[in-house]
């Protein structure tokens, strides 16, 4: 038996938080190693999106009243952009 998937908005919200953490880490001149927790989170969220049936390409979604786009492509982690 498979468990139900989380709502796309919840997955997107988590992806936005991980992307913000990744961006902050990359802008820190003092970091000296890639944060494996961020990589794990990106991989897990990408897998969760694929398991939920999100196709490769751009998928529009609304999160907390903001329009956003999730982008999936083969061999890459998911990306997300806020549009408004």
PDB file of N, CA and C in Angstrom:
ATOM      1  N   UNK A   1       0.843  -1.169   0.000  1.00  0.00           N
ATOM      2  CA  UNK A   1       0.000   0.000   0.000  1.00  0.00           C
ATOM      3  C   UNK A   1       0.897   1.244   0.000  1.00  0.00           C
ATOM      4  N   UNK A   2       0.568   2.203  -0.859  1.00  0.00           N
ATOM      5  CA  UNK A   2       1.348   3.437  -0.899  1.00  0.00           C
ATOM      6  C   UNK A   2       0.664   4.491  -0.049  1.00  0.00           C
ATOM      7  N   UNK A   3       1.464   5.345   0.525  1.00  0.00           N
ATOM      8  CA  UNK A   3       0.899   6.412   1.341  1.00  0.00           C
ATOM      9  C   UNK A   3       0.526   7.578   0.429  1.00  0.00           C
ATOM     10  N   UNK A   4      -0.462   8.363   0.836  1.00  0.00           N
ATOM     11  CA  UNK A   4      -0.846   9.507   0.005  1.00  0.00           C
ATOM     12  C   UNK A   4       0.284  10.541  -0.042  1.00  0.00           C
ATOM     13  N   UNK A   5       0.325  11.247  -1.136  1.00  0.00           N
ATOM     14  CA  UNK A   5       1.355  12.269  -1.305  1.00  0.00           C
ATOM     15  C   UNK A   5       0.955  13.539  -0.563  1.00  0.00           C
ATOM     16  N   UNK A   6       1.968  14.262  -0.102  1.00  0.00           N
ATOM     17  CA  UNK A   6       1.699  15.560   0.515  1.00  0.00           C
ATOM     18  C   UNK A   6       1.197  16.513  -0.567  1.00  0.00           C
ATOM     19  N   UNK A   7       0.441  17.527  -0.175  1.00  0.00           N
ATOM     20  CA  UNK A   7      -0.007  18.512  -1.164  1.00  0.00           C
ATOM     21  C   UNK A   7       1.187  19.200  -1.830  1.00  0.00           C
ATOM     22  N   UNK A   8       1.024  19.516  -3.107  1.00  0.00           N
ATOM     23  CA  UNK A   8       2.080  20.166  -3.873  1.00  0.00           C
ATOM     24  C   UNK A   8       2.506  21.485  -3.221  1.00  0.00           C
ATOM     25  N   UNK A   9       1.559  22.192  -2.620  1.00  0.00           N
ATOM     26  CA  UNK A   9       1.918  23.455  -1.962  1.00  0.00           C
ATOM     27  C   UNK A   9       2.861  23.226  -0.786  1.00  0.00           C
ATOM     28  N   UNK A  10       2.666  22.144  -0.045  1.00  0.00           N
ATOM     29  CA  UNK A  10       3.558  21.845   1.086  1.00  0.00           C
ATOM     30  C   UNK A  10       4.965  21.496   0.609  1.00  0.00           C
ATOM     31  N   UNK A  11       5.043  20.688  -0.448  1.00  0.00           N
ATOM     32  CA  UNK A  11       6.351  20.325  -0.994  1.00  0.00           C
ATOM     33  C   UNK A  11       7.052  21.578  -1.517  1.00  0.00           C
ATOM     34  N   UNK A  12       6.295  22.437  -2.203  1.00  0.00           N
ATOM     35  CA  UNK A  12       6.870  23.668  -2.759  1.00  0.00           C
ATOM     36  C   UNK A  12       7.364  24.584  -1.650  1.00  0.00           C
ATOM     37  N   UNK A  13       6.591  24.698  -0.583  1.00  0.00           N
ATOM     38  CA  UNK A  13       7.001  25.532   0.553  1.00  0.00           C
ATOM     39  C   UNK A  13       8.331  25.034   1.128  1.00  0.00           C
ATOM     40  N   UNK A  14       8.464  23.725   1.279  1.00  0.00           N
ATOM     41  CA  UNK A  14       9.723  23.151   1.771  1.00  0.00           C
ATOM     42  C   UNK A  14      10.862  23.415   0.792  1.00  0.00           C
ATOM     43  N   UNK A  15      10.579  23.287  -0.497  1.00  0.00           N
ATOM     44  CA  UNK A  15      11.600  23.531  -1.517  1.00  0.00           C
ATOM     45  C   UNK A  15      12.066  24.988  -1.482  1.00  0.00           C
ATOM     46  N   UNK A  16      11.145  25.917  -1.260  1.00  0.00           N
ATOM     47  CA  UNK A  16      11.519  27.332  -1.142  1.00  0.00           C
ATOM     48  C   UNK A  16      12.455  27.555   0.046  1.00  0.00           C
ATOM     49  N   UNK A  17      12.191  26.889   1.161  1.00  0.00           N
ATOM     50  CA  UNK A  17      13.046  27.033   2.340  1.00  0.00           C
ATOM     51  C   UNK A  17      14.436  26.463   2.093  1.00  0.00           C
ATOM     52  N   UNK A  18      14.510  25.313   1.440  1.00  0.00           N
ATOM     53  CA  UNK A  18      15.809  24.698   1.149  1.00  0.00           C
ATOM     54  C   UNK A  18      16.583  25.558   0.151  1.00  0.00           C
ATOM     55  N   UNK A  19      15.875  26.094  -0.851  1.00  0.00           N
ATOM     56  CA  UNK A  19      16.549  26.952  -1.832  1.00  0.00           C
ATOM     57  C   UNK A  19      17.097  28.205  -1.154  1.00  0.00           C
ATOM     58  N   UNK A  20      16.355  28.774  -0.217  1.00  0.00           N
ATOM     59  CA  UNK A  20      16.835  29.953   0.513  1.00  0.00           C
ATOM     60  C   UNK A  20      18.075  29.608   1.328  1.00  0.00           C
ATOM     61  N   UNK A  21      18.081  28.448   1.964  1.00  0.00           N
ATOM     62  CA  UNK A  21      19.255  28.021   2.738  1.00  0.00           C
ATOM     63  C   UNK A  21      20.452  27.804   1.823  1.00  0.00           C
ATOM     64  N   UNK A  22      20.223  27.222   0.654  1.00  0.00           N
ATOM     65  CA  UNK A  22      21.298  26.988  -0.315  1.00  0.00           C
ATOM     66  C   UNK A  22      21.865  28.318  -0.805  1.00  0.00           C
ATOM     67  N   UNK A  23      20.983  29.263  -1.132  1.00  0.00           N
ATOM     68  CA  UNK A  23      21.422  30.575  -1.610  1.00  0.00           C
ATOM     69  C   UNK A  23      22.230  31.293  -0.544  1.00  0.00           C
ATOM     70  N   UNK A  24      21.780  31.228   0.701  1.00  0.00           N
ATOM     71  CA  UNK A  24      22.520  31.864   1.800  1.00  0.00           C
ATOM     72  C   UNK A  24      23.885  31.217   1.973  1.00  0.00           C
ATOM     73  N   UNK A  25      23.940  29.891   1.872  1.00  0.00           N
ATOM     74  CA  UNK A  25      25.209  29.192   2.024  1.00  0.00           C
ATOM     75  C   UNK A  25      26.174  29.593   0.909  1.00  0.00           C
ATOM     76  N   UNK A  26      25.677  29.671  -0.314  1.00  0.00           N
ATOM     77  CA  UNK A  26      26.541  29.985  -1.450  1.00  0.00           C
ATOM     78  C   UNK A  26      27.031  31.433  -1.414  1.00  0.00           C
ATOM     79  N   UNK A  27      26.303  32.314  -0.744  1.00  0.00           N
ATOM     80  CA  UNK A  27      26.733  33.712  -0.680  1.00  0.00           C
ATOM     81  C   UNK A  27      27.691  33.962   0.482  1.00  0.00           C
ATOM     82  N   UNK A  28      27.883  32.956   1.331  1.00  0.00           N
ATOM     83  CA  UNK A  28      28.796  33.087   2.467  1.00  0.00           C
ATOM     84  C   UNK A  28      30.215  32.771   2.002  1.00  0.00           C
ATOM     85  N   UNK A  29      31.069  33.760   1.996  1.00  0.00           N
ATOM     86  CA  UNK A  29      32.436  33.580   1.507  1.00  0.00           C
ATOM     87  C   UNK A  29      33.257  32.648   2.394  1.00  0.00           C
ATOM     88  N   UNK A  30      32.810  32.407   3.613  1.00  0.00           N
ATOM     89  CA  UNK A  30      33.582  31.599   4.548  1.00  0.00           C
ATOM     90  C   UNK A  30      33.229  30.108   4.521  1.00  0.00           C
ATOM     91  N   UNK A  31      32.212  29.734   3.751  1.00  0.00           N
ATOM     92  CA  UNK A  31      31.873  28.307   3.772  1.00  0.00           C
ATOM     93  C   UNK A  31      32.985  27.532   3.069  1.00  0.00           C
ATOM     94  N   UNK A  32      33.290  26.366   3.590  1.00  0.00           N
ATOM     95  CA  UNK A  32      34.389  25.595   3.015  1.00  0.00           C
ATOM     96  C   UNK A  32      33.992  24.192   2.578  1.00  0.00           C
ATOM     97  N   UNK A  33      32.733  23.863   2.707  1.00  0.00           N
ATOM     98  CA  UNK A  33      32.294  22.565   2.195  1.00  0.00           C
ATOM     99  C   UNK A  33      30.806  22.637   1.877  1.00  0.00           C
ATOM    100  N   UNK A  34      30.419  21.878   0.900  1.00  0.00           N
ATOM    101  CA  UNK A  34      29.023  21.819   0.503  1.00  0.00           C
ATOM    102  C   UNK A  34      28.221  21.150   1.608  1.00  0.00           C
ATOM    103  N   UNK A  35      27.133  21.748   2.001  1.00  0.00           N
ATOM    104  CA  UNK A  35      26.300  21.213   3.072  1.00  0.00           C
ATOM    105  C   UNK A  35      25.528  19.994   2.566  1.00  0.00           C
ATOM    106  N   UNK A  36      25.887  18.819   3.049  1.00  0.00           N
ATOM    107  CA  UNK A  36      25.254  17.577   2.601  1.00  0.00           C
ATOM    108  C   UNK A  36      23.780  17.501   2.997  1.00  0.00           C
ATOM    109  N   UNK A  37      23.390  18.214   4.060  1.00  0.00           N
ATOM    110  CA  UNK A  37      21.982  18.215   4.454  1.00  0.00           C
ATOM    111  C   UNK A  37      21.135  18.908   3.390  1.00  0.00           C
ATOM    112  N   UNK A  38      21.648  19.998   2.834  1.00  0.00           N
ATOM    113  CA  UNK A  38      20.916  20.702   1.787  1.00  0.00           C
ATOM    114  C   UNK A  38      20.800  19.817   0.548  1.00  0.00           C
ATOM    115  N   UNK A  39      21.885  19.155   0.180  1.00  0.00           N
ATOM    116  CA  UNK A  39      21.844  18.256  -0.975  1.00  0.00           C
ATOM    117  C   UNK A  39      20.834  17.129  -0.740  1.00  0.00           C
ATOM    118  N   UNK A  40      20.829  16.559   0.454  1.00  0.00           N
ATOM    119  CA  UNK A  40      19.880  15.496   0.785  1.00  0.00           C
ATOM    120  C   UNK A  40      18.444  16.015   0.687  1.00  0.00           C
ATOM    121  N   UNK A  41      18.194  17.218   1.236  1.00  0.00           N
ATOM    122  CA  UNK A  41      16.847  17.792   1.185  1.00  0.00           C
ATOM    123  C   UNK A  41      16.404  18.036  -0.254  1.00  0.00           C
ATOM    124  N   UNK A  42      17.305  18.577  -1.082  1.00  0.00           N
ATOM    125  CA  UNK A  42      16.964  18.814  -2.489  1.00  0.00           C
ATOM    126  C   UNK A  42      16.641  17.499  -3.199  1.00  0.00           C
ATOM    127  N   UNK A  43      17.436  16.487  -2.950  1.00  0.00           N
ATOM    128  CA  UNK A  43      17.199  15.180  -3.575  1.00  0.00           C
ATOM    129  C   UNK A  43      15.862  14.608  -3.104  1.00  0.00           C
ATOM    130  N   UNK A  44      15.606  14.672  -1.807  1.00  0.00           N
ATOM    131  CA  UNK A  44      14.366  14.119  -1.254  1.00  0.00           C
ATOM    132  C   UNK A  44      13.132  14.835  -1.797  1.00  0.00           C
ATOM    133  N   UNK A  45      13.194  16.162  -1.858  1.00  0.00           N
ATOM    134  CA  UNK A  45      12.052  16.926  -2.360  1.00  0.00           C
ATOM    135  C   UNK A  45      11.842  16.691  -3.857  1.00  0.00           C
ATOM    136  N   UNK A  46      12.935  16.565  -4.608  1.00  0.00           N
ATOM    137  CA  UNK A  46      12.821  16.257  -6.034  1.00  0.00           C
ATOM    138  C   UNK A  46      12.157  14.894  -6.216  1.00  0.00           C
ATOM    139  N   UNK A  47      12.588  13.909  -5.448  1.00  0.00           N
ATOM    140  CA  UNK A  47      11.976  12.575  -5.512  1.00  0.00           C
ATOM    141  C   UNK A  47      10.502  12.632  -5.121  1.00  0.00           C
ATOM    142  N   UNK A  48      10.192  13.422  -4.107  1.00  0.00           N
ATOM    143  CA  UNK A  48       8.808  13.536  -3.652  1.00  0.00           C
ATOM    144  C   UNK A  48       7.927  14.163  -4.737  1.00  0.00           C
ATOM    145  N   UNK A  49       8.450  15.168  -5.436  1.00  0.00           N
ATOM    146  CA  UNK A  49       7.700  15.778  -6.537  1.00  0.00           C
ATOM    147  C   UNK A  49       7.462  14.763  -7.651  1.00  0.00           C
ATOM    148  N   UNK A  50       8.489  14.008  -7.995  1.00  0.00           N
ATOM    149  CA  UNK A  50       8.349  12.995  -9.053  1.00  0.00           C
ATOM    150  C   UNK A  50       7.348  11.911  -8.622  1.00  0.00           C
ATOM    151  N   UNK A  51       7.433  11.475  -7.373  1.00  0.00           N
ATOM    152  CA  UNK A  51       6.503  10.460  -6.866  1.00  0.00           C
ATOM    153  C   UNK A  51       5.061  10.965  -6.879  1.00  0.00           C
ATOM    154  N   UNK A  52       4.892  12.279  -6.723  1.00  0.00           N
ATOM    155  CA  UNK A  52       3.557  12.879  -6.732  1.00  0.00           C
ATOM    156  C   UNK A  52       3.036  13.079  -8.155  1.00  0.00           C
ATOM    157  N   UNK A  53       3.867  12.737  -9.147  1.00  0.00           N
ATOM    158  CA  UNK A  53       3.419  12.821 -10.531  1.00  0.00           C
ATOM    159  C   UNK A  53       3.708  14.134 -11.223  1.00  0.00           C
ATOM    160  N   UNK A  54       4.534  14.993 -10.627  1.00  0.00           N
ATOM    161  CA  UNK A  54       4.884  16.258 -11.273  1.00  0.00           C
ATOM    162  C   UNK A  54       5.803  15.932 -12.455  1.00  0.00           C
ATOM    163  N   UNK A  55       5.429  16.381 -13.668  1.00  0.00           N
ATOM    164  CA  UNK A  55       6.218  16.032 -14.852  1.00  0.00           C
ATOM    165  C   UNK A  55       7.448  16.929 -15.010  1.00  0.00           C
ATOM    166  N   UNK A  56       8.381  16.483 -15.851  1.00  0.00           N
ATOM    167  CA  UNK A  56       9.497  17.352 -16.216  1.00  0.00           C
ATOM    168  C   UNK A  56       8.937  18.589 -16.904  1.00  0.00           C
ATOM    169  N   UNK A  57       9.628  19.696 -16.730  1.00  0.00           N
ATOM    170  CA  UNK A  57       9.177  20.965 -17.284  1.00  0.00           C
ATOM    171  C   UNK A  57       8.765  21.891 -16.159  1.00  0.00           C
ATOM    172  N   UNK A  58       8.002  22.909 -16.510  1.00  0.00           N
ATOM    173  CA  UNK A  58       7.582  23.927 -15.550  1.00  0.00           C
ATOM    174  C   UNK A  58       6.138  23.665 -15.134  1.00  0.00           C
ATOM    175  N   UNK A  59       5.905  23.659 -13.831  1.00  0.00           N
ATOM    176  CA  UNK A  59       4.572  23.447 -13.273  1.00  0.00           C
ATOM    177  C   UNK A  59       4.205  24.648 -12.410  1.00  0.00           C
ATOM    178  N   UNK A  60       3.111  25.361 -12.745  1.00  0.00           N
ATOM    179  CA  UNK A  60       2.697  26.489 -11.912  1.00  0.00           C
ATOM    180  C   UNK A  60       2.060  26.000 -10.614  1.00  0.00           C
ATOM    181  N   UNK A  61       2.266  26.760  -9.554  1.00  0.00           N
ATOM    182  CA  UNK A  61       1.685  26.434  -8.252  1.00  0.00           C
ATOM    183  C   UNK A  61       1.527  27.736  -7.473  1.00  0.00           C
ATOM    184  N   UNK A  62       0.554  27.781  -6.580  1.00  0.00           N
ATOM    185  CA  UNK A  62       0.359  28.938  -5.703  1.00  0.00           C
ATOM    186  C   UNK A  62       0.679  28.510  -4.281  1.00  0.00           C
ATOM    187  N   UNK A  63       1.549  29.287  -3.624  1.00  0.00           N
ATOM    188  CA  UNK A  63       1.972  28.989  -2.260  1.00  0.00           C
ATOM    189  C   UNK A  63       1.775  30.242  -1.420  1.00  0.00           C
ATOM    190  N   UNK A  64       0.953  30.132  -0.399  1.00  0.00           N
ATOM    191  CA  UNK A  64       0.699  31.255   0.505  1.00  0.00           C
ATOM    192  C   UNK A  64       0.323  32.519  -0.261  1.00  0.00           C
ATOM    193  N   UNK A  65      -0.511  32.359  -1.286  1.00  0.00           N
ATOM    194  CA  UNK A  65      -0.990  33.491  -2.067  1.00  0.00           C
ATOM    195  C   UNK A  65      -0.024  34.000  -3.123  1.00  0.00           C
ATOM    196  N   UNK A  66       1.124  33.387  -3.247  1.00  0.00           N
ATOM    197  CA  UNK A  66       2.114  33.812  -4.237  1.00  0.00           C
ATOM    198  C   UNK A  66       2.171  32.798  -5.371  1.00  0.00           C
ATOM    199  N   UNK A  67       2.233  33.329  -6.598  1.00  0.00           N
ATOM    200  CA  UNK A  67       2.393  32.443  -7.750  1.00  0.00           C
ATOM    201  C   UNK A  67       3.849  32.013  -7.838  1.00  0.00           C
ATOM    202  N   UNK A  68       4.042  30.747  -8.139  1.00  0.00           N
ATOM    203  CA  UNK A  68       5.400  30.206  -8.247  1.00  0.00           C
ATOM    204  C   UNK A  68       5.431  29.187  -9.376  1.00  0.00           C
ATOM    205  N   UNK A  69       6.641  28.803  -9.755  1.00  0.00           N
ATOM    206  CA  UNK A  69       6.842  27.753 -10.738  1.00  0.00           C
ATOM    207  C   UNK A  69       7.852  26.758 -10.191  1.00  0.00           C
ATOM    208  N   UNK A  70       7.532  25.494 -10.334  1.00  0.00           N
ATOM    209  CA  UNK A  70       8.477  24.417 -10.037  1.00  0.00           C
ATOM    210  C   UNK A  70       9.027  23.953 -11.382  1.00  0.00           C
ATOM    211  N   UNK A  71      10.326  23.755 -11.444  1.00  0.00           N
ATOM    212  CA  UNK A  71      10.914  23.236 -12.671  1.00  0.00           C
ATOM    213  C   UNK A  71      11.648  21.936 -12.372  1.00  0.00           C
ATOM    214  N   UNK A  72      11.276  20.908 -13.111  1.00  0.00           N
ATOM    215  CA  UNK A  72      11.947  19.609 -13.016  1.00  0.00           C
ATOM    216  C   UNK A  72      12.575  19.291 -14.364  1.00  0.00           C
ATOM    217  N   UNK A  73      13.763  18.745 -14.315  1.00  0.00           N
ATOM    218  CA  UNK A  73      14.406  18.267 -15.539  1.00  0.00           C
ATOM    219  C   UNK A  73      15.210  17.024 -15.186  1.00  0.00           C
ATOM    220  N   UNK A  74      15.396  16.153 -16.170  1.00  0.00           N
ATOM    221  CA  UNK A  74      16.134  14.919 -15.899  1.00  0.00           C
ATOM    222  C   UNK A  74      17.537  15.213 -15.374  1.00  0.00           C
ATOM    223  N   UNK A  75      17.962  14.419 -14.428  1.00  0.00           N
ATOM    224  CA  UNK A  75      19.328  14.471 -13.898  1.00  0.00           C
ATOM    225  C   UNK A  75      19.660  15.752 -13.128  1.00  0.00           C
ATOM    226  N   UNK A  76      18.644  16.517 -12.719  1.00  0.00           N
ATOM    227  CA  UNK A  76      18.893  17.727 -11.932  1.00  0.00           C
ATOM    228  C   UNK A  76      17.905  17.770 -10.776  1.00  0.00           C
ATOM    229  N   UNK A  77      18.273  18.523  -9.738  1.00  0.00           N
ATOM    230  CA  UNK A  77      17.351  18.731  -8.629  1.00  0.00           C
ATOM    231  C   UNK A  77      16.272  19.719  -9.045  1.00  0.00           C
ATOM    232  N   UNK A  78      15.143  19.662  -8.364  1.00  0.00           N
ATOM    233  CA  UNK A  78      14.045  20.580  -8.635  1.00  0.00           C
ATOM    234  C   UNK A  78      14.473  22.011  -8.332  1.00  0.00           C
ATOM    235  N   UNK A  79      13.881  22.938  -9.069  1.00  0.00           N
ATOM    236  CA  UNK A  79      14.091  24.359  -8.819  1.00  0.00           C
ATOM    237  C   UNK A  79      12.717  24.988  -8.643  1.00  0.00           C
ATOM    238  N   UNK A  80      12.681  26.126  -7.972  1.00  0.00           N
ATOM    239  CA  UNK A  80      11.423  26.826  -7.748  1.00  0.00           C
ATOM    240  C   UNK A  80      11.682  28.324  -7.836  1.00  0.00           C
ATOM    241  N   UNK A  81      10.709  29.035  -8.406  1.00  0.00           N
ATOM    242  CA  UNK A  81      10.795  30.488  -8.528  1.00  0.00           C
ATOM    243  C   UNK A  81       9.475  31.102  -8.087  1.00  0.00           C
ATOM    244  N   UNK A  82       9.565  32.193  -7.345  1.00  0.00           N
ATOM    245  CA  UNK A  82       8.384  32.982  -7.010  1.00  0.00           C
ATOM    246  C   UNK A  82       8.164  33.967  -8.151  1.00  0.00           C
ATOM    247  N   UNK A  83       6.931  34.048  -8.648  1.00  0.00           N
ATOM    248  CA  UNK A  83       6.621  34.941  -9.760  1.00  0.00           C
ATOM    249  C   UNK A  83       5.997  36.245  -9.298  1.00  0.00           C
ATOM    250  N   UNK A  84       5.282  36.205  -8.191  1.00  0.00           N
ATOM    251  CA  UNK A  84       4.629  37.432  -7.724  1.00  0.00           C
ATOM    252  C   UNK A  84       4.706  37.535  -6.220  1.00  0.00           C
TER     253      UNK A  84
END
